[in-house]
């Protein structure tokens, strides 16, 4: 279950980064994306549920999304060891 949630999360992020394109060719040439950065990140220490606001940069534009996650490795922030609950 955790693997499928992580796979869905990365697929959604890839779709956001790549976006729709009507041109044929290399995505690297079409979209000079720089990835994403965390705007804010808080974790409730009693439930280990966190909420991170991330900014996804795609070319010259960006979008902001909220990720709710379980801090599985209890390190106090979103990282690859955590379980994504939702993205909005």
PDB file of N, CA and C in Angstrom:
ATOM      1  N   UNK A   1       0.829  -1.194   0.000  1.00  0.00           N
ATOM      2  CA  UNK A   1       0.000   0.000   0.000  1.00  0.00           C
ATOM      3  C   UNK A   1       0.866   1.248   0.000  1.00  0.00           C
ATOM      4  N   UNK A   2       1.923   1.240   0.825  1.00  0.00           N
ATOM      5  CA  UNK A   2       2.805   2.409   0.884  1.00  0.00           C
ATOM      6  C   UNK A   2       3.476   2.658  -0.454  1.00  0.00           C
ATOM      7  N   UNK A   3       3.890   1.571  -1.130  1.00  0.00           N
ATOM      8  CA  UNK A   3       4.544   1.728  -2.430  1.00  0.00           C
ATOM      9  C   UNK A   3       3.604   2.353  -3.454  1.00  0.00           C
ATOM     10  N   UNK A   4       2.345   1.940  -3.435  1.00  0.00           N
ATOM     11  CA  UNK A   4       1.402   2.483  -4.409  1.00  0.00           C
ATOM     12  C   UNK A   4       1.125   3.959  -4.142  1.00  0.00           C
ATOM     13  N   UNK A   5       1.076   4.350  -2.875  1.00  0.00           N
ATOM     14  CA  UNK A   5       0.869   5.761  -2.533  1.00  0.00           C
ATOM     15  C   UNK A   5       2.065   6.585  -2.989  1.00  0.00           C
ATOM     16  N   UNK A   6       3.266   6.086  -2.753  1.00  0.00           N
ATOM     17  CA  UNK A   6       4.470   6.805  -3.175  1.00  0.00           C
ATOM     18  C   UNK A   6       4.526   6.885  -4.690  1.00  0.00           C
ATOM     19  N   UNK A   7       4.188   5.803  -5.390  1.00  0.00           N
ATOM     20  CA  UNK A   7       4.188   5.799  -6.845  1.00  0.00           C
ATOM     21  C   UNK A   7       3.190   6.816  -7.391  1.00  0.00           C
ATOM     22  N   UNK A   8       1.996   6.869  -6.811  1.00  0.00           N
ATOM     23  CA  UNK A   8       0.980   7.832  -7.237  1.00  0.00           C
ATOM     24  C   UNK A   8       1.478   9.253  -6.993  1.00  0.00           C
ATOM     25  N   UNK A   9       2.117   9.478  -5.863  1.00  0.00           N
ATOM     26  CA  UNK A   9       2.639  10.804  -5.532  1.00  0.00           C
ATOM     27  C   UNK A   9       3.666  11.257  -6.549  1.00  0.00           C
ATOM     28  N   UNK A  10       4.633  10.419  -6.846  1.00  0.00           N
ATOM     29  CA  UNK A  10       5.655  10.796  -7.809  1.00  0.00           C
ATOM     30  C   UNK A  10       5.079  10.950  -9.208  1.00  0.00           C
ATOM     31  N   UNK A  11       4.080  10.156  -9.553  1.00  0.00           N
ATOM     32  CA  UNK A  11       3.425  10.308 -10.854  1.00  0.00           C
ATOM     33  C   UNK A  11       2.722  11.653 -10.946  1.00  0.00           C
ATOM     34  N   UNK A  12       2.012  12.041  -9.877  1.00  0.00           N
ATOM     35  CA  UNK A  12       1.344  13.341  -9.866  1.00  0.00           C
ATOM     36  C   UNK A  12       2.346  14.486  -9.965  1.00  0.00           C
ATOM     37  N   UNK A  13       3.441  14.386  -9.243  1.00  0.00           N
ATOM     38  CA  UNK A  13       4.466  15.425  -9.317  1.00  0.00           C
ATOM     39  C   UNK A  13       5.074  15.487 -10.717  1.00  0.00           C
ATOM     40  N   UNK A  14       5.282  14.337 -11.350  1.00  0.00           N
ATOM     41  CA  UNK A  14       5.825  14.315 -12.708  1.00  0.00           C
ATOM     42  C   UNK A  14       4.859  14.970 -13.683  1.00  0.00           C
ATOM     43  N   UNK A  15       3.569  14.695 -13.531  1.00  0.00           N
ATOM     44  CA  UNK A  15       2.563  15.311 -14.396  1.00  0.00           C
ATOM     45  C   UNK A  15       2.556  16.821 -14.205  1.00  0.00           C
ATOM     46  N   UNK A  16       2.650  17.266 -12.941  1.00  0.00           N
ATOM     47  CA  UNK A  16       2.683  18.700 -12.673  1.00  0.00           C
ATOM     48  C   UNK A  16       3.915  19.357 -13.273  1.00  0.00           C
ATOM     49  N   UNK A  17       5.048  18.672 -13.189  1.00  0.00           N
ATOM     50  CA  UNK A  17       6.288  19.231 -13.721  1.00  0.00           C
ATOM     51  C   UNK A  17       6.302  19.256 -15.241  1.00  0.00           C
ATOM     52  N   UNK A  18       5.800  18.202 -15.855  1.00  0.00           N
ATOM     53  CA  UNK A  18       5.834  18.114 -17.306  1.00  0.00           C
ATOM     54  C   UNK A  18       4.685  18.862 -17.955  1.00  0.00           C
ATOM     55  N   UNK A  19       3.504  18.758 -17.369  1.00  0.00           N
ATOM     56  CA  UNK A  19       2.339  19.458 -17.896  1.00  0.00           C
ATOM     57  C   UNK A  19       1.999  19.037 -19.318  1.00  0.00           C
ATOM     58  N   UNK A  20       0.893  19.538 -19.824  1.00  0.00           N
ATOM     59  CA  UNK A  20       0.517  19.217 -21.199  1.00  0.00           C
ATOM     60  C   UNK A  20       1.432  19.946 -22.179  1.00  0.00           C
ATOM     61  N   UNK A  21       1.784  19.267 -23.252  1.00  0.00           N
ATOM     62  CA  UNK A  21       2.668  19.860 -24.255  1.00  0.00           C
ATOM     63  C   UNK A  21       2.217  19.440 -25.637  1.00  0.00           C
ATOM     64  N   UNK A  22       2.114  20.399 -26.524  1.00  0.00           N
ATOM     65  CA  UNK A  22       1.701  20.092 -27.885  1.00  0.00           C
ATOM     66  C   UNK A  22       2.906  19.952 -28.804  1.00  0.00           C
ATOM     67  N   UNK A  23       4.097  20.206 -28.299  1.00  0.00           N
ATOM     68  CA  UNK A  23       5.300  20.096 -29.109  1.00  0.00           C
ATOM     69  C   UNK A  23       5.863  18.689 -29.003  1.00  0.00           C
ATOM     70  N   UNK A  24       6.537  18.266 -30.075  1.00  0.00           N
ATOM     71  CA  UNK A  24       7.187  16.971 -30.084  1.00  0.00           C
ATOM     72  C   UNK A  24       8.670  17.209 -29.871  1.00  0.00           C
ATOM     73  N   UNK A  25       9.298  16.387 -29.019  1.00  0.00           N
ATOM     74  CA  UNK A  25      10.725  16.547 -28.755  1.00  0.00           C
ATOM     75  C   UNK A  25      11.044  16.207 -27.324  1.00  0.00           C
ATOM     76  N   UNK A  26      12.206  16.602 -26.905  1.00  0.00           N
ATOM     77  CA  UNK A  26      12.659  16.305 -25.557  1.00  0.00           C
ATOM     78  C   UNK A  26      11.977  17.210 -24.552  1.00  0.00           C
ATOM     79  N   UNK A  27      11.445  16.598 -23.459  1.00  0.00           N
ATOM     80  CA  UNK A  27      10.831  17.406 -22.407  1.00  0.00           C
ATOM     81  C   UNK A  27      11.875  18.317 -21.764  1.00  0.00           C
ATOM     82  N   UNK A  28      13.103  17.849 -21.686  1.00  0.00           N
ATOM     83  CA  UNK A  28      14.159  18.665 -21.087  1.00  0.00           C
ATOM     84  C   UNK A  28      14.360  19.954 -21.869  1.00  0.00           C
ATOM     85  N   UNK A  29      14.154  19.921 -23.163  1.00  0.00           N
ATOM     86  CA  UNK A  29      14.297  21.120 -23.984  1.00  0.00           C
ATOM     87  C   UNK A  29      13.067  22.011 -23.890  1.00  0.00           C
ATOM     88  N   UNK A  30      11.903  21.421 -23.698  1.00  0.00           N
ATOM     89  CA  UNK A  30      10.663  22.190 -23.671  1.00  0.00           C
ATOM     90  C   UNK A  30      10.423  22.857 -22.326  1.00  0.00           C
ATOM     91  N   UNK A  31      10.757  22.160 -21.243  1.00  0.00           N
ATOM     92  CA  UNK A  31      10.418  22.661 -19.913  1.00  0.00           C
ATOM     93  C   UNK A  31      11.670  22.678 -19.048  1.00  0.00           C
ATOM     94  N   UNK A  32      12.224  23.854 -18.802  1.00  0.00           N
ATOM     95  CA  UNK A  32      13.421  23.918 -17.972  1.00  0.00           C
ATOM     96  C   UNK A  32      13.076  23.936 -16.483  1.00  0.00           C
ATOM     97  N   UNK A  33      12.347  22.925 -16.010  1.00  0.00           N
ATOM     98  CA  UNK A  33      11.892  22.884 -14.628  1.00  0.00           C
ATOM     99  C   UNK A  33      13.036  22.810 -13.634  1.00  0.00           C
ATOM    100  N   UNK A  34      12.806  23.354 -12.471  1.00  0.00           N
ATOM    101  CA  UNK A  34      13.834  23.323 -11.436  1.00  0.00           C
ATOM    102  C   UNK A  34      13.398  22.496 -10.238  1.00  0.00           C
ATOM    103  N   UNK A  35      12.266  21.800 -10.319  1.00  0.00           N
ATOM    104  CA  UNK A  35      11.860  20.921  -9.240  1.00  0.00           C
ATOM    105  C   UNK A  35      10.887  21.559  -8.272  1.00  0.00           C
ATOM    106  N   UNK A  36      11.034  21.195  -7.003  1.00  0.00           N
ATOM    107  CA  UNK A  36      10.126  21.754  -6.009  1.00  0.00           C
ATOM    108  C   UNK A  36      10.884  22.100  -4.739  1.00  0.00           C
ATOM    109  N   UNK A  37      10.319  23.006  -3.981  1.00  0.00           N
ATOM    110  CA  UNK A  37      10.916  23.400  -2.709  1.00  0.00           C
ATOM    111  C   UNK A  37       9.815  23.475  -1.658  1.00  0.00           C
ATOM    112  N   UNK A  38      10.225  23.228  -0.467  1.00  0.00           N
ATOM    113  CA  UNK A  38       9.255  23.267   0.647  1.00  0.00           C
ATOM    114  C   UNK A  38       9.132  24.694   1.157  1.00  0.00           C
ATOM    115  N   UNK A  39       7.894  25.202   1.147  1.00  0.00           N
ATOM    116  CA  UNK A  39       7.602  26.542   1.649  1.00  0.00           C
ATOM    117  C   UNK A  39       7.464  26.507   3.169  1.00  0.00           C
ATOM    118  N   UNK A  40       6.715  25.509   3.666  1.00  0.00           N
ATOM    119  CA  UNK A  40       6.565  25.318   5.113  1.00  0.00           C
ATOM    120  C   UNK A  40       6.334  23.838   5.387  1.00  0.00           C
ATOM    121  N   UNK A  41       6.633  23.426   6.600  1.00  0.00           N
ATOM    122  CA  UNK A  41       6.512  22.015   6.962  1.00  0.00           C
ATOM    123  C   UNK A  41       6.316  21.920   8.475  1.00  0.00           C
ATOM    124  N   UNK A  42       5.156  21.393   8.901  1.00  0.00           N
ATOM    125  CA  UNK A  42       4.884  21.230  10.328  1.00  0.00           C
ATOM    126  C   UNK A  42       4.421  19.806  10.596  1.00  0.00           C
ATOM    127  N   UNK A  43       4.779  19.295  11.767  1.00  0.00           N
ATOM    128  CA  UNK A  43       4.396  17.933  12.157  1.00  0.00           C
ATOM    129  C   UNK A  43       3.794  17.974  13.552  1.00  0.00           C
ATOM    130  N   UNK A  44       2.634  17.337  13.720  1.00  0.00           N
ATOM    131  CA  UNK A  44       2.028  17.174  15.042  1.00  0.00           C
ATOM    132  C   UNK A  44       2.765  16.020  15.722  1.00  0.00           C
ATOM    133  N   UNK A  45       3.496  16.305  16.759  1.00  0.00           N
ATOM    134  CA  UNK A  45       4.332  15.292  17.405  1.00  0.00           C
ATOM    135  C   UNK A  45       3.542  14.192  18.098  1.00  0.00           C
ATOM    136  N   UNK A  46       2.271  14.441  18.431  1.00  0.00           N
ATOM    137  CA  UNK A  46       1.476  13.398  19.088  1.00  0.00           C
ATOM    138  C   UNK A  46       0.916  12.390  18.094  1.00  0.00           C
ATOM    139  N   UNK A  47       0.609  12.846  16.858  1.00  0.00           N
ATOM    140  CA  UNK A  47       0.044  11.942  15.853  1.00  0.00           C
ATOM    141  C   UNK A  47       1.035  11.589  14.751  1.00  0.00           C
ATOM    142  N   UNK A  48       2.150  12.309  14.673  1.00  0.00           N
ATOM    143  CA  UNK A  48       3.141  12.158  13.601  1.00  0.00           C
ATOM    144  C   UNK A  48       2.551  12.437  12.221  1.00  0.00           C
ATOM    145  N   UNK A  49       1.490  13.242  12.181  1.00  0.00           N
ATOM    146  CA  UNK A  49       0.912  13.671  10.901  1.00  0.00           C
ATOM    147  C   UNK A  49       1.460  15.053  10.592  1.00  0.00           C
ATOM    148  N   UNK A  50       1.997  15.192   9.383  1.00  0.00           N
ATOM    149  CA  UNK A  50       2.586  16.459   8.987  1.00  0.00           C
ATOM    150  C   UNK A  50       1.868  17.072   7.808  1.00  0.00           C
ATOM    151  N   UNK A  51       2.109  18.353   7.631  1.00  0.00           N
ATOM    152  CA  UNK A  51       1.544  19.072   6.493  1.00  0.00           C
ATOM    153  C   UNK A  51       2.647  19.965   5.928  1.00  0.00           C
ATOM    154  N   UNK A  52       2.985  19.737   4.675  1.00  0.00           N
ATOM    155  CA  UNK A  52       4.028  20.517   4.019  1.00  0.00           C
ATOM    156  C   UNK A  52       3.418  21.261   2.835  1.00  0.00           C
ATOM    157  N   UNK A  53       3.743  22.525   2.722  1.00  0.00           N
ATOM    158  CA  UNK A  53       3.355  23.313   1.560  1.00  0.00           C
ATOM    159  C   UNK A  53       4.571  23.343   0.650  1.00  0.00           C
ATOM    160  N   UNK A  54       4.399  22.875  -0.592  1.00  0.00           N
ATOM    161  CA  UNK A  54       5.509  22.828  -1.537  1.00  0.00           C
ATOM    162  C   UNK A  54       5.213  23.696  -2.749  1.00  0.00           C
ATOM    163  N   UNK A  55       6.252  24.292  -3.276  1.00  0.00           N
ATOM    164  CA  UNK A  55       6.159  25.094  -4.496  1.00  0.00           C
ATOM    165  C   UNK A  55       6.813  24.292  -5.610  1.00  0.00           C
ATOM    166  N   UNK A  56       6.023  23.958  -6.640  1.00  0.00           N
ATOM    167  CA  UNK A  56       6.518  23.205  -7.780  1.00  0.00           C
ATOM    168  C   UNK A  56       6.812  24.209  -8.894  1.00  0.00           C
ATOM    169  N   UNK A  57       8.060  24.230  -9.329  1.00  0.00           N
ATOM    170  CA  UNK A  57       8.462  25.150 -10.396  1.00  0.00           C
ATOM    171  C   UNK A  57       8.508  24.386 -11.705  1.00  0.00           C
ATOM    172  N   UNK A  58       7.773  24.911 -12.696  1.00  0.00           N
ATOM    173  CA  UNK A  58       7.756  24.287 -14.011  1.00  0.00           C
ATOM    174  C   UNK A  58       7.967  25.382 -15.044  1.00  0.00           C
ATOM    175  N   UNK A  59       9.201  25.464 -15.505  1.00  0.00           N
ATOM    176  CA  UNK A  59       9.548  26.521 -16.451  1.00  0.00           C
ATOM    177  C   UNK A  59       9.566  27.863 -15.768  1.00  0.00           C
ATOM    178  N   UNK A  60       8.833  28.804 -16.345  1.00  0.00           N
ATOM    179  CA  UNK A  60       8.787  30.154 -15.782  1.00  0.00           C
ATOM    180  C   UNK A  60       7.612  30.348 -14.839  1.00  0.00           C
ATOM    181  N   UNK A  61       6.802  29.317 -14.644  1.00  0.00           N
ATOM    182  CA  UNK A  61       5.651  29.408 -13.748  1.00  0.00           C
ATOM    183  C   UNK A  61       5.819  28.419 -12.594  1.00  0.00           C
ATOM    184  N   UNK A  62       4.952  28.550 -11.603  1.00  0.00           N
ATOM    185  CA  UNK A  62       4.989  27.625 -10.479  1.00  0.00           C
ATOM    186  C   UNK A  62       3.591  27.459  -9.909  1.00  0.00           C
ATOM    187  N   UNK A  63       3.426  26.442  -9.092  1.00  0.00           N
ATOM    188  CA  UNK A  63       2.169  26.205  -8.402  1.00  0.00           C
ATOM    189  C   UNK A  63       2.487  25.758  -6.980  1.00  0.00           C
ATOM    190  N   UNK A  64       1.538  25.960  -6.085  1.00  0.00           N
ATOM    191  CA  UNK A  64       1.722  25.604  -4.687  1.00  0.00           C
ATOM    192  C   UNK A  64       0.741  24.506  -4.314  1.00  0.00           C
ATOM    193  N   UNK A  65       1.213  23.502  -3.593  1.00  0.00           N
ATOM    194  CA  UNK A  65       0.391  22.351  -3.219  1.00  0.00           C
ATOM    195  C   UNK A  65       0.631  21.999  -1.757  1.00  0.00           C
ATOM    196  N   UNK A  66      -0.389  21.454  -1.115  1.00  0.00           N
ATOM    197  CA  UNK A  66      -0.284  21.023   0.274  1.00  0.00           C
ATOM    198  C   UNK A  66      -0.215  19.509   0.306  1.00  0.00           C
ATOM    199  N   UNK A  67       0.805  18.982   0.968  1.00  0.00           N
ATOM    200  CA  UNK A  67       0.993  17.540   1.104  1.00  0.00           C
ATOM    201  C   UNK A  67       0.769  17.166   2.569  1.00  0.00           C
ATOM    202  N   UNK A  68      -0.179  16.265   2.801  1.00  0.00           N
ATOM    203  CA  UNK A  68      -0.406  15.730   4.142  1.00  0.00           C
ATOM    204  C   UNK A  68       0.277  14.367   4.176  1.00  0.00           C
ATOM    205  N   UNK A  69       1.048  14.118   5.223  1.00  0.00           N
ATOM    206  CA  UNK A  69       1.824  12.891   5.268  1.00  0.00           C
ATOM    207  C   UNK A  69       1.977  12.372   6.695  1.00  0.00           C
ATOM    208  N   UNK A  70       2.329  11.084   6.785  1.00  0.00           N
ATOM    209  CA  UNK A  70       2.659  10.480   8.074  1.00  0.00           C
ATOM    210  C   UNK A  70       4.182  10.503   8.194  1.00  0.00           C
ATOM    211  N   UNK A  71       4.679  11.113   9.245  1.00  0.00           N
ATOM    212  CA  UNK A  71       6.122  11.200   9.469  1.00  0.00           C
ATOM    213  C   UNK A  71       6.616   9.835   9.948  1.00  0.00           C
ATOM    214  N   UNK A  72       6.694   8.889   9.026  1.00  0.00           N
ATOM    215  CA  UNK A  72       6.977   7.485   9.339  1.00  0.00           C
ATOM    216  C   UNK A  72       8.293   7.282  10.071  1.00  0.00           C
ATOM    217  N   UNK A  73       9.306   8.049   9.709  1.00  0.00           N
ATOM    218  CA  UNK A  73      10.601   7.882  10.356  1.00  0.00           C
ATOM    219  C   UNK A  73      10.824   8.880  11.495  1.00  0.00           C
ATOM    220  N   UNK A  74       9.770   9.619  11.832  1.00  0.00           N
ATOM    221  CA  UNK A  74       9.752  10.532  12.976  1.00  0.00           C
ATOM    222  C   UNK A  74      10.964  11.464  13.039  1.00  0.00           C
ATOM    223  N   UNK A  75      11.321  12.036  11.873  1.00  0.00           N
ATOM    224  CA  UNK A  75      12.438  12.971  11.862  1.00  0.00           C
ATOM    225  C   UNK A  75      11.980  14.427  11.845  1.00  0.00           C
ATOM    226  N   UNK A  76      10.657  14.641  11.910  1.00  0.00           N
ATOM    227  CA  UNK A  76      10.134  16.000  12.032  1.00  0.00           C
ATOM    228  C   UNK A  76       9.948  16.755  10.742  1.00  0.00           C
ATOM    229  N   UNK A  77      10.050  16.089   9.599  1.00  0.00           N
ATOM    230  CA  UNK A  77       9.858  16.774   8.328  1.00  0.00           C
ATOM    231  C   UNK A  77       9.603  15.798   7.199  1.00  0.00           C
ATOM    232  N   UNK A  78       9.111  16.313   6.085  1.00  0.00           N
ATOM    233  CA  UNK A  78       8.805  15.497   4.909  1.00  0.00           C
ATOM    234  C   UNK A  78      10.090  15.060   4.233  1.00  0.00           C
ATOM    235  N   UNK A  79      10.225  13.758   4.015  1.00  0.00           N
ATOM    236  CA  UNK A  79      11.344  13.224   3.258  1.00  0.00           C
ATOM    237  C   UNK A  79      10.936  11.890   2.649  1.00  0.00           C
ATOM    238  N   UNK A  80      11.882  11.221   2.014  1.00  0.00           N
ATOM    239  CA  UNK A  80      11.548   9.995   1.286  1.00  0.00           C
ATOM    240  C   UNK A  80      11.152   8.831   2.189  1.00  0.00           C
ATOM    241  N   UNK A  81      11.324   8.947   3.484  1.00  0.00           N
ATOM    242  CA  UNK A  81      10.927   7.879   4.382  1.00  0.00           C
ATOM    243  C   UNK A  81       9.500   7.984   4.880  1.00  0.00           C
ATOM    244  N   UNK A  82       8.748   8.980   4.411  1.00  0.00           N
ATOM    245  CA  UNK A  82       7.409   9.238   4.919  1.00  0.00           C
ATOM    246  C   UNK A  82       6.319   8.723   3.970  1.00  0.00           C
ATOM    247  N   UNK A  83       5.130   8.536   4.536  1.00  0.00           N
ATOM    248  CA  UNK A  83       3.989   8.052   3.774  1.00  0.00           C
ATOM    249  C   UNK A  83       3.090   9.236   3.420  1.00  0.00           C
ATOM    250  N   UNK A  84       2.860   9.450   2.133  1.00  0.00           N
ATOM    251  CA  UNK A  84       2.003  10.529   1.668  1.00  0.00           C
ATOM    252  C   UNK A  84       0.548  10.120   1.851  1.00  0.00           C
ATOM    253  N   UNK A  85      -0.234  10.974   2.485  1.00  0.00           N
ATOM    254  CA  UNK A  85      -1.658  10.703   2.693  1.00  0.00           C
ATOM    255  C   UNK A  85      -2.487  11.395   1.612  1.00  0.00           C
ATOM    256  N   UNK A  86      -2.166  12.653   1.330  1.00  0.00           N
ATOM    257  CA  UNK A  86      -2.916  13.359   0.285  1.00  0.00           C
ATOM    258  C   UNK A  86      -2.097  14.527  -0.254  1.00  0.00           C
ATOM    259  N   UNK A  87      -2.454  14.942  -1.469  1.00  0.00           N
ATOM    260  CA  UNK A  87      -1.866  16.125  -2.112  1.00  0.00           C
ATOM    261  C   UNK A  87      -3.009  16.957  -2.646  1.00  0.00           C
ATOM    262  N   UNK A  88      -2.996  18.227  -2.320  1.00  0.00           N
ATOM    263  CA  UNK A  88      -4.041  19.113  -2.852  1.00  0.00           C
ATOM    264  C   UNK A  88      -3.428  20.396  -3.369  1.00  0.00           C
TER     265      UNK A  88
END
